Amino acid sequence: MCDTPRPVIFDLFHTLVHGADEERDRVVGEMATMIGVDPAALVAAYHASWRDRLVRWDVEETIRILAGRLGGTPTDEQVARAADHRRALAWRVLDSVSAATLDVLDGLRGDGHPLALVSNATSETAEAWPRSRLARRFDVAVFSSDVGLAKPDPAIYRAAAERLGVEPAECVFVGDGADGELAGAAAVGMTVFRTTEHSDTDRSWSGTAIPVLADLPGLLREPPGVRTGRA
């Protein structure tokens, strides 16, 4: 086992919790009915505006801007109702974390690993995070909507390392691979493990892959040379 437990930085969606992609589309369609625009059109607009939603707009801005683009003029009450519907989804997704995942995180903390989160997430997830069961397991959480940066921008990984008080090269990054996050983490010097438990997202990644998060603590106890070539 390594003498000093290394900091571990996790992705959120499809790594610690499922992505709920189909449910997100359903909820956005229901929001469209609440604000008086076409459901399919609003779902398409949500997909097309993902970058702005990750780094620029909060949930109310998103609703107003996209409704306006679709010819809608929702009232403040309609916007608030739709925003609450979206926030409820964010909470459900965070609350869906499994006991097995929480056990892994608790085990890592017990082994002395500092833990951080780096997530490409919209504002409603960042708002819900502090009261989630996940939040109390983490020393640091960096959300794209809070910092105006999104993976794979090197600056968002460096922000997490800086908040932990370490260099990026001292950290391990764990994620499914969406948004080019694995290459982004490797580019700043992090050791990278790809998880496939919730989604086999980045099959092109040739580095270490773990089928279930429960395999991670054992990997972290191995000397670095033992990990070479495991995929």
C-alpha atoms as a PDB file:
ATOM      1  CA  MET A   1       0.000   0.000   0.000  1.00  0.00           C
ATOM      2  CA  CYS A   2       1.172   3.576  -0.711  1.00  0.00           C
ATOM      3  CA  ASP A   3       2.604   5.296   2.383  1.00  0.00           C
ATOM      4  CA  THR A   4       0.469   8.408   1.824  1.00  0.00           C
ATOM      5  CA  PRO A   5      -3.139   7.896   0.642  1.00  0.00           C
ATOM      6  CA  ARG A   6      -3.632   9.832  -2.599  1.00  0.00           C
ATOM      7  CA  PRO A   7      -6.450  12.328  -3.095  1.00  0.00           C
ATOM      8  CA  VAL A   8      -9.239  10.885  -5.260  1.00  0.00           C
ATOM      9  CA  ILE A   9     -11.323  13.124  -7.525  1.00  0.00           C
ATOM     10  CA  PHE A  10     -14.624  11.727  -8.793  1.00  0.00           C
ATOM     11  CA  ASP A  11     -16.980  12.556 -11.604  1.00  0.00           C
ATOM     12  CA  LEU A  12     -20.652  12.513 -10.553  1.00  0.00           C
ATOM     13  CA  PHE A  13     -23.082  11.357 -13.267  1.00  0.00           C
ATOM     14  CA  HIS A  14     -22.620   7.772 -14.491  1.00  0.00           C
ATOM     15  CA  THR A  15     -19.838   7.410 -11.918  1.00  0.00           C
ATOM     16  CA  LEU A  16     -21.383   7.862  -8.470  1.00  0.00           C
ATOM     17  CA  VAL A  17     -25.029   7.986  -9.592  1.00  0.00           C
ATOM     18  CA  HIS A  18     -26.870   7.057 -12.763  1.00  0.00           C
ATOM     19  CA  GLY A  19     -27.290   9.783 -15.358  1.00  0.00           C
ATOM     20  CA  ALA A  20     -31.102   9.566 -15.557  1.00  0.00           C
ATOM     21  CA  ASP A  21     -30.940  10.696 -19.186  1.00  0.00           C
ATOM     22  CA  GLU A  22     -34.388   9.423 -20.157  1.00  0.00           C
ATOM     23  CA  GLU A  23     -35.968  10.857 -17.020  1.00  0.00           C
ATOM     24  CA  ARG A  24     -34.340  14.231 -17.729  1.00  0.00           C
ATOM     25  CA  ASP A  25     -35.984  14.351 -21.144  1.00  0.00           C
ATOM     26  CA  ARG A  26     -39.334  13.376 -19.644  1.00  0.00           C
ATOM     27  CA  VAL A  27     -39.082  16.088 -17.002  1.00  0.00           C
ATOM     28  CA  VAL A  28     -38.136  18.732 -19.575  1.00  0.00           C
ATOM     29  CA  GLY A  29     -41.151  17.705 -21.640  1.00  0.00           C
ATOM     30  CA  GLU A  30     -43.355  18.168 -18.581  1.00  0.00           C
ATOM     31  CA  MET A  31     -41.749  21.560 -17.962  1.00  0.00           C
ATOM     32  CA  ALA A  32     -42.665  22.554 -21.528  1.00  0.00           C
ATOM     33  CA  THR A  33     -46.331  21.924 -20.774  1.00  0.00           C
ATOM     34  CA  MET A  34     -46.036  24.083 -17.669  1.00  0.00           C
ATOM     35  CA  ILE A  35     -44.622  27.043 -19.614  1.00  0.00           C
ATOM     36  CA  GLY A  36     -46.713  26.658 -22.768  1.00  0.00           C
ATOM     37  CA  VAL A  37     -44.224  25.499 -25.400  1.00  0.00           C
ATOM     38  CA  ASP A  38     -43.900  22.349 -27.470  1.00  0.00           C
ATOM     39  CA  PRO A  39     -42.392  19.513 -25.389  1.00  0.00           C
ATOM     40  CA  ALA A  40     -40.278  17.993 -28.163  1.00  0.00           C
ATOM     41  CA  ALA A  41     -38.954  21.420 -29.103  1.00  0.00           C
ATOM     42  CA  LEU A  42     -37.958  22.216 -25.522  1.00  0.00           C
ATOM     43  CA  VAL A  43     -36.197  18.871 -25.128  1.00  0.00           C
ATOM     44  CA  ALA A  44     -34.257  19.565 -28.328  1.00  0.00           C
ATOM     45  CA  ALA A  45     -33.411  23.075 -27.111  1.00  0.00           C
ATOM     46  CA  TYR A  46     -32.149  21.683 -23.816  1.00  0.00           C
ATOM     47  CA  HIS A  47     -29.825  19.301 -25.637  1.00  0.00           C
ATOM     48  CA  ALA A  48     -28.570  22.031 -27.977  1.00  0.00           C
ATOM     49  CA  SER A  49     -27.827  24.453 -25.122  1.00  0.00           C
ATOM     50  CA  TRP A  50     -25.932  22.052 -22.864  1.00  0.00           C
ATOM     51  CA  ARG A  51     -22.722  24.084 -22.748  1.00  0.00           C
ATOM     52  CA  ASP A  52     -24.483  27.316 -21.758  1.00  0.00           C
ATOM     53  CA  ARG A  53     -26.494  25.464 -19.130  1.00  0.00           C
ATOM     54  CA  LEU A  54     -23.341  23.958 -17.637  1.00  0.00           C
ATOM     55  CA  VAL A  55     -21.373  27.172 -17.278  1.00  0.00           C
ATOM     56  CA  ARG A  56     -23.633  30.223 -17.690  1.00  0.00           C
ATOM     57  CA  TRP A  57     -27.355  29.935 -16.979  1.00  0.00           C
ATOM     58  CA  ASP A  58     -29.199  29.004 -13.812  1.00  0.00           C
ATOM     59  CA  VAL A  59     -32.427  27.039 -14.062  1.00  0.00           C
ATOM     60  CA  GLU A  60     -34.732  30.071 -14.280  1.00  0.00           C
ATOM     61  CA  GLU A  61     -32.571  31.741 -16.938  1.00  0.00           C
ATOM     62  CA  THR A  62     -32.553  28.510 -18.913  1.00  0.00           C
ATOM     63  CA  ILE A  63     -36.335  28.282 -18.884  1.00  0.00           C
ATOM     64  CA  ARG A  64     -36.863  31.914 -19.867  1.00  0.00           C
ATOM     65  CA  ILE A  65     -34.219  31.927 -22.601  1.00  0.00           C
ATOM     66  CA  LEU A  66     -35.259  28.666 -24.209  1.00  0.00           C
ATOM     67  CA  ALA A  67     -38.972  29.424 -23.945  1.00  0.00           C
ATOM     68  CA  GLY A  68     -38.334  32.777 -25.635  1.00  0.00           C
ATOM     69  CA  ARG A  69     -36.459  31.078 -28.451  1.00  0.00           C
ATOM     70  CA  LEU A  70     -39.491  28.852 -28.973  1.00  0.00           C
ATOM     71  CA  GLY A  71     -41.925  31.756 -29.009  1.00  0.00           C
ATOM     72  CA  GLY A  72     -43.140  31.320 -25.458  1.00  0.00           C
ATOM     73  CA  THR A  73     -43.735  34.052 -22.890  1.00  0.00           C
ATOM     74  CA  PRO A  74     -44.101  32.227 -19.564  1.00  0.00           C
ATOM     75  CA  THR A  75     -45.174  34.106 -16.464  1.00  0.00           C
ATOM     76  CA  ASP A  76     -42.958  34.281 -13.386  1.00  0.00           C
ATOM     77  CA  GLU A  77     -45.259  31.757 -11.730  1.00  0.00           C
ATOM     78  CA  GLN A  78     -44.915  29.328 -14.650  1.00  0.00           C
ATOM     79  CA  VAL A  79     -41.129  29.708 -14.638  1.00  0.00           C
ATOM     80  CA  ALA A  80     -40.989  29.079 -10.895  1.00  0.00           C
ATOM     81  CA  ARG A  81     -43.157  25.972 -11.208  1.00  0.00           C
ATOM     82  CA  ALA A  82     -41.030  24.544 -14.017  1.00  0.00           C
ATOM     83  CA  ALA A  83     -37.821  25.361 -12.151  1.00  0.00           C
ATOM     84  CA  ASP A  84     -39.077  23.564  -9.050  1.00  0.00           C
ATOM     85  CA  HIS A  85     -39.885  20.534 -11.219  1.00  0.00           C
ATOM     86  CA  ARG A  86     -36.333  20.501 -12.548  1.00  0.00           C
ATOM     87  CA  ARG A  87     -34.867  20.950  -9.061  1.00  0.00           C
ATOM     88  CA  ALA A  88     -36.902  17.991  -7.813  1.00  0.00           C
ATOM     89  CA  LEU A  89     -35.269  15.837 -10.495  1.00  0.00           C
ATOM     90  CA  ALA A  90     -31.792  16.951  -9.419  1.00  0.00           C
ATOM     91  CA  TRP A  91     -32.570  15.916  -5.862  1.00  0.00           C
ATOM     92  CA  ARG A  92     -33.961  12.522  -6.934  1.00  0.00           C
ATOM     93  CA  VAL A  93     -30.822  11.768  -8.924  1.00  0.00           C
ATOM     94  CA  LEU A  94     -28.500  12.659  -6.054  1.00  0.00           C
ATOM     95  CA  ASP A  95     -30.663  10.743  -3.602  1.00  0.00           C
ATOM     96  CA  SER A  96     -30.471   7.640  -5.813  1.00  0.00           C
ATOM     97  CA  VAL A  97     -26.867   6.969  -4.760  1.00  0.00           C
ATOM     98  CA  SER A  98     -26.528   3.352  -3.710  1.00  0.00           C
ATOM     99  CA  ALA A  99     -25.486   2.095  -0.302  1.00  0.00           C
ATOM    100  CA  ALA A 100     -22.613   0.261  -2.006  1.00  0.00           C
ATOM    101  CA  THR A 101     -21.253   3.526  -3.423  1.00  0.00           C
ATOM    102  CA  LEU A 102     -21.518   5.249  -0.050  1.00  0.00           C
ATOM    103  CA  ASP A 103     -19.677   2.318   1.518  1.00  0.00           C
ATOM    104  CA  VAL A 104     -16.831   2.737  -0.983  1.00  0.00           C
ATOM    105  CA  LEU A 105     -16.552   6.429  -0.225  1.00  0.00           C
ATOM    106  CA  ASP A 106     -16.625   5.787   3.515  1.00  0.00           C
ATOM    107  CA  GLY A 107     -13.933   3.155   3.090  1.00  0.00           C
ATOM    108  CA  LEU A 108     -11.717   5.526   1.138  1.00  0.00           C
ATOM    109  CA  ARG A 109     -12.098   8.187   3.788  1.00  0.00           C
ATOM    110  CA  GLY A 110     -11.298   5.579   6.406  1.00  0.00           C
ATOM    111  CA  ASP A 111      -8.093   4.779   4.515  1.00  0.00           C
ATOM    112  CA  GLY A 112      -7.168   8.463   4.646  1.00  0.00           C
ATOM    113  CA  HIS A 113      -7.897   9.496   1.051  1.00  0.00           C
ATOM    114  CA  PRO A 114      -9.044  13.112   0.651  1.00  0.00           C
ATOM    115  CA  LEU A 115     -12.060  13.147  -1.709  1.00  0.00           C
ATOM    116  CA  ALA A 116     -13.143  15.729  -4.257  1.00  0.00           C
ATOM    117  CA  LEU A 117     -15.873  15.958  -6.874  1.00  0.00           C
ATOM    118  CA  VAL A 118     -15.555  17.622 -10.282  1.00  0.00           C
ATOM    119  CA  SER A 119     -18.866  17.664 -12.130  1.00  0.00           C
ATOM    120  CA  ASN A 120     -20.201  19.104 -15.342  1.00  0.00           C
ATOM    121  CA  ALA A 121     -23.558  19.938 -13.799  1.00  0.00           C
ATOM    122  CA  THR A 122     -26.232  22.578 -14.067  1.00  0.00           C
ATOM    123  CA  SER A 123     -27.142  24.896 -11.225  1.00  0.00           C
ATOM    124  CA  GLU A 124     -29.946  22.819  -9.769  1.00  0.00           C
ATOM    125  CA  THR A 125     -27.562  19.943  -9.019  1.00  0.00           C
ATOM    126  CA  ALA A 126     -25.072  22.292  -7.370  1.00  0.00           C
ATOM    127  CA  GLU A 127     -27.921  23.705  -5.255  1.00  0.00           C
ATOM    128  CA  ALA A 128     -29.095  20.263  -4.139  1.00  0.00           C
ATOM    129  CA  TRP A 129     -25.618  18.912  -3.400  1.00  0.00           C
ATOM    130  CA  PRO A 130     -25.040  20.301   0.144  1.00  0.00           C
ATOM    131  CA  ARG A 131     -28.005  18.424   1.632  1.00  0.00           C
ATOM    132  CA  SER A 132     -27.256  15.134  -0.139  1.00  0.00           C
ATOM    133  CA  ARG A 133     -25.799  12.029   1.436  1.00  0.00           C
ATOM    134  CA  LEU A 134     -22.877  12.315  -0.961  1.00  0.00           C
ATOM    135  CA  ALA A 135     -21.850  15.808   0.109  1.00  0.00           C
ATOM    136  CA  ARG A 136     -20.817  14.859   3.636  1.00  0.00           C
ATOM    137  CA  ARG A 137     -18.349  12.314   2.217  1.00  0.00           C
ATOM    138  CA  PHE A 138     -16.418  14.913   0.209  1.00  0.00           C
ATOM    139  CA  ASP A 139     -13.851  17.493   1.217  1.00  0.00           C
ATOM    140  CA  VAL A 140     -14.279  19.532  -1.980  1.00  0.00           C
ATOM    141  CA  ALA A 141     -16.940  19.823  -4.706  1.00  0.00           C
ATOM    142  CA  VAL A 142     -16.373  21.783  -7.906  1.00  0.00           C
ATOM    143  CA  PHE A 143     -19.381  22.259 -10.174  1.00  0.00           C
ATOM    144  CA  SER A 144     -19.103  23.714 -13.668  1.00  0.00           C
ATOM    145  CA  SER A 145     -22.111  25.949 -13.009  1.00  0.00           C
ATOM    146  CA  ASP A 146     -20.347  27.495 -10.011  1.00  0.00           C
ATOM    147  CA  VAL A 147     -16.929  28.110 -11.558  1.00  0.00           C
ATOM    148  CA  GLY A 148     -17.883  28.803 -15.186  1.00  0.00           C
ATOM    149  CA  LEU A 149     -15.608  26.008 -16.407  1.00  0.00           C
ATOM    150  CA  ALA A 150     -16.387  22.538 -17.695  1.00  0.00           C
ATOM    151  CA  LYS A 151     -14.403  19.366 -18.211  1.00  0.00           C
ATOM    152  CA  PRO A 152     -12.113  18.774 -20.018  1.00  0.00           C
ATOM    153  CA  ASP A 153     -10.831  22.317 -19.379  1.00  0.00           C
ATOM    154  CA  PRO A 154      -7.585  21.817 -17.405  1.00  0.00           C
ATOM    155  CA  ALA A 155      -8.522  24.665 -15.079  1.00  0.00           C
ATOM    156  CA  ILE A 156     -11.439  22.803 -13.494  1.00  0.00           C
ATOM    157  CA  TYR A 157      -9.224  19.868 -12.477  1.00  0.00           C
ATOM    158  CA  ARG A 158      -6.585  22.249 -11.159  1.00  0.00           C
ATOM    159  CA  ALA A 159      -9.264  24.068  -9.151  1.00  0.00           C
ATOM    160  CA  ALA A 160     -10.175  20.842  -7.361  1.00  0.00           C
ATOM    161  CA  ALA A 161      -6.550  19.985  -6.634  1.00  0.00           C
ATOM    162  CA  GLU A 162      -5.874  23.493  -5.377  1.00  0.00           C
ATOM    163  CA  ARG A 163      -8.851  23.338  -3.017  1.00  0.00           C
ATOM    164  CA  LEU A 164      -7.495  20.047  -1.693  1.00  0.00           C
ATOM    165  CA  GLY A 165      -4.108  21.683  -1.194  1.00  0.00           C
ATOM    166  CA  VAL A 166      -2.256  19.307  -3.527  1.00  0.00           C
ATOM    167  CA  GLU A 167      -0.791  19.205  -7.029  1.00  0.00           C
ATOM    168  CA  PRO A 168      -2.845  17.583  -9.826  1.00  0.00           C
ATOM    169  CA  ALA A 169      -0.174  14.899 -10.297  1.00  0.00           C
ATOM    170  CA  GLU A 170      -0.791  13.715  -6.735  1.00  0.00           C
ATOM    171  CA  CYS A 171      -4.445  12.933  -7.536  1.00  0.00           C
ATOM    172  CA  VAL A 172      -6.379   9.992  -8.922  1.00  0.00           C
ATOM    173  CA  PHE A 173      -9.352  10.812 -11.158  1.00  0.00           C
ATOM    174  CA  VAL A 174     -12.294   8.395 -11.469  1.00  0.00           C
ATOM    175  CA  GLY A 175     -14.991   8.855 -14.111  1.00  0.00           C
ATOM    176  CA  ASP A 176     -16.997   7.164 -16.840  1.00  0.00           C
ATOM    177  CA  GLY A 177     -15.410   9.317 -19.552  1.00  0.00           C
ATOM    178  CA  ALA A 178     -18.172  11.649 -20.744  1.00  0.00           C
ATOM    179  CA  ASP A 179     -17.146  15.032 -22.175  1.00  0.00           C
ATOM    180  CA  GLY A 180     -13.545  13.917 -22.677  1.00  0.00           C
ATOM    181  CA  GLU A 181     -12.985  14.018 -18.927  1.00  0.00           C
ATOM    182  CA  LEU A 182     -10.478  11.160 -18.768  1.00  0.00           C
ATOM    183  CA  ALA A 183      -8.075  12.695 -21.269  1.00  0.00           C
ATOM    184  CA  GLY A 184      -8.552  16.053 -19.550  1.00  0.00           C
ATOM    185  CA  ALA A 185      -7.535  14.608 -16.196  1.00  0.00           C
ATOM    186  CA  ALA A 186      -4.561  12.797 -17.682  1.00  0.00           C
ATOM    187  CA  ALA A 187      -3.419  15.997 -19.390  1.00  0.00           C
ATOM    188  CA  VAL A 188      -2.906  17.716 -16.019  1.00  0.00           C
ATOM    189  CA  GLY A 189      -0.970  14.727 -14.683  1.00  0.00           C
ATOM    190  CA  MET A 190      -3.631  12.812 -12.779  1.00  0.00           C
ATOM    191  CA  THR A 191      -3.727   9.025 -12.597  1.00  0.00           C
ATOM    192  CA  VAL A 192      -6.964   8.032 -14.336  1.00  0.00           C
ATOM    193  CA  PHE A 193      -9.341   5.133 -13.702  1.00  0.00           C
ATOM    194  CA  ARG A 194     -12.391   4.641 -15.913  1.00  0.00           C
ATOM    195  CA  THR A 195     -15.512   3.205 -14.308  1.00  0.00           C
ATOM    196  CA  THR A 196     -18.099   1.268 -16.310  1.00  0.00           C
ATOM    197  CA  GLU A 197     -20.555   0.454 -13.512  1.00  0.00           C
ATOM    198  CA  HIS A 198     -23.284   2.835 -14.693  1.00  0.00           C
ATOM    199  CA  SER A 199     -22.271   3.419 -18.299  1.00  0.00           C
ATOM    200  CA  ASP A 200     -19.548   2.147 -20.661  1.00  0.00           C
ATOM    201  CA  THR A 201     -19.086   5.661 -21.982  1.00  0.00           C
ATOM    202  CA  ASP A 202     -15.537   5.951 -23.331  1.00  0.00           C
ATOM    203  CA  ARG A 203     -14.559   2.628 -24.866  1.00  0.00           C
ATOM    204  CA  SER A 204     -11.589   4.250 -26.594  1.00  0.00           C
ATOM    205  CA  TRP A 205      -9.859   4.799 -23.256  1.00  0.00           C
ATOM    206  CA  SER A 206      -6.903   2.409 -23.084  1.00  0.00           C
ATOM    207  CA  GLY A 207      -6.022   2.918 -19.443  1.00  0.00           C
ATOM    208  CA  THR A 208      -7.222   1.210 -16.298  1.00  0.00           C
ATOM    209  CA  ALA A 209     -10.945   0.386 -16.189  1.00  0.00           C
ATOM    210  CA  ILE A 210     -12.988  -0.890 -13.259  1.00  0.00           C
ATOM    211  CA  PRO A 211     -16.365  -2.609 -13.694  1.00  0.00           C
ATOM    212  CA  VAL A 212     -17.643  -1.677 -10.223  1.00  0.00           C
ATOM    213  CA  LEU A 213     -16.642   1.121  -7.891  1.00  0.00           C
ATOM    214  CA  ALA A 214     -16.044  -1.407  -5.133  1.00  0.00           C
ATOM    215  CA  ASP A 215     -12.848  -2.407  -6.996  1.00  0.00           C
ATOM    216  CA  LEU A 216     -11.329   1.038  -6.477  1.00  0.00           C
ATOM    217  CA  PRO A 217     -10.033   0.749  -2.895  1.00  0.00           C
ATOM    218  CA  GLY A 218      -8.064  -2.380  -3.773  1.00  0.00           C
ATOM    219  CA  LEU A 219      -6.509  -0.675  -6.773  1.00  0.00           C
ATOM    220  CA  LEU A 220      -5.456   2.274  -4.683  1.00  0.00           C
ATOM    221  CA  ARG A 221      -3.694  -0.066  -2.245  1.00  0.00           C
ATOM    222  CA  GLU A 222      -1.577  -1.599  -5.019  1.00  0.00           C
ATOM    223  CA  PRO A 223       1.898  -0.241  -5.768  1.00  0.00           C
ATOM    224  CA  PRO A 224       1.784   1.872  -8.957  1.00  0.00           C
ATOM    225  CA  GLY A 225       3.689  -0.690 -11.015  1.00  0.00           C
ATOM    226  CA  VAL A 226       1.072  -3.365 -10.396  1.00  0.00           C
ATOM    227  CA  ARG A 227      -1.584  -1.202 -12.050  1.00  0.00           C
ATOM    228  CA  THR A 228       0.275  -0.913 -15.322  1.00  0.00           C
ATOM    229  CA  GLY A 229      -1.543  -2.651 -18.125  1.00  0.00           C
ATOM    230  CA  ARG A 230      -4.737  -3.365 -16.199  1.00  0.00           C
ATOM    231  CA  ALA A 231      -7.687  -2.480 -18.394  1.00  0.00           C
END
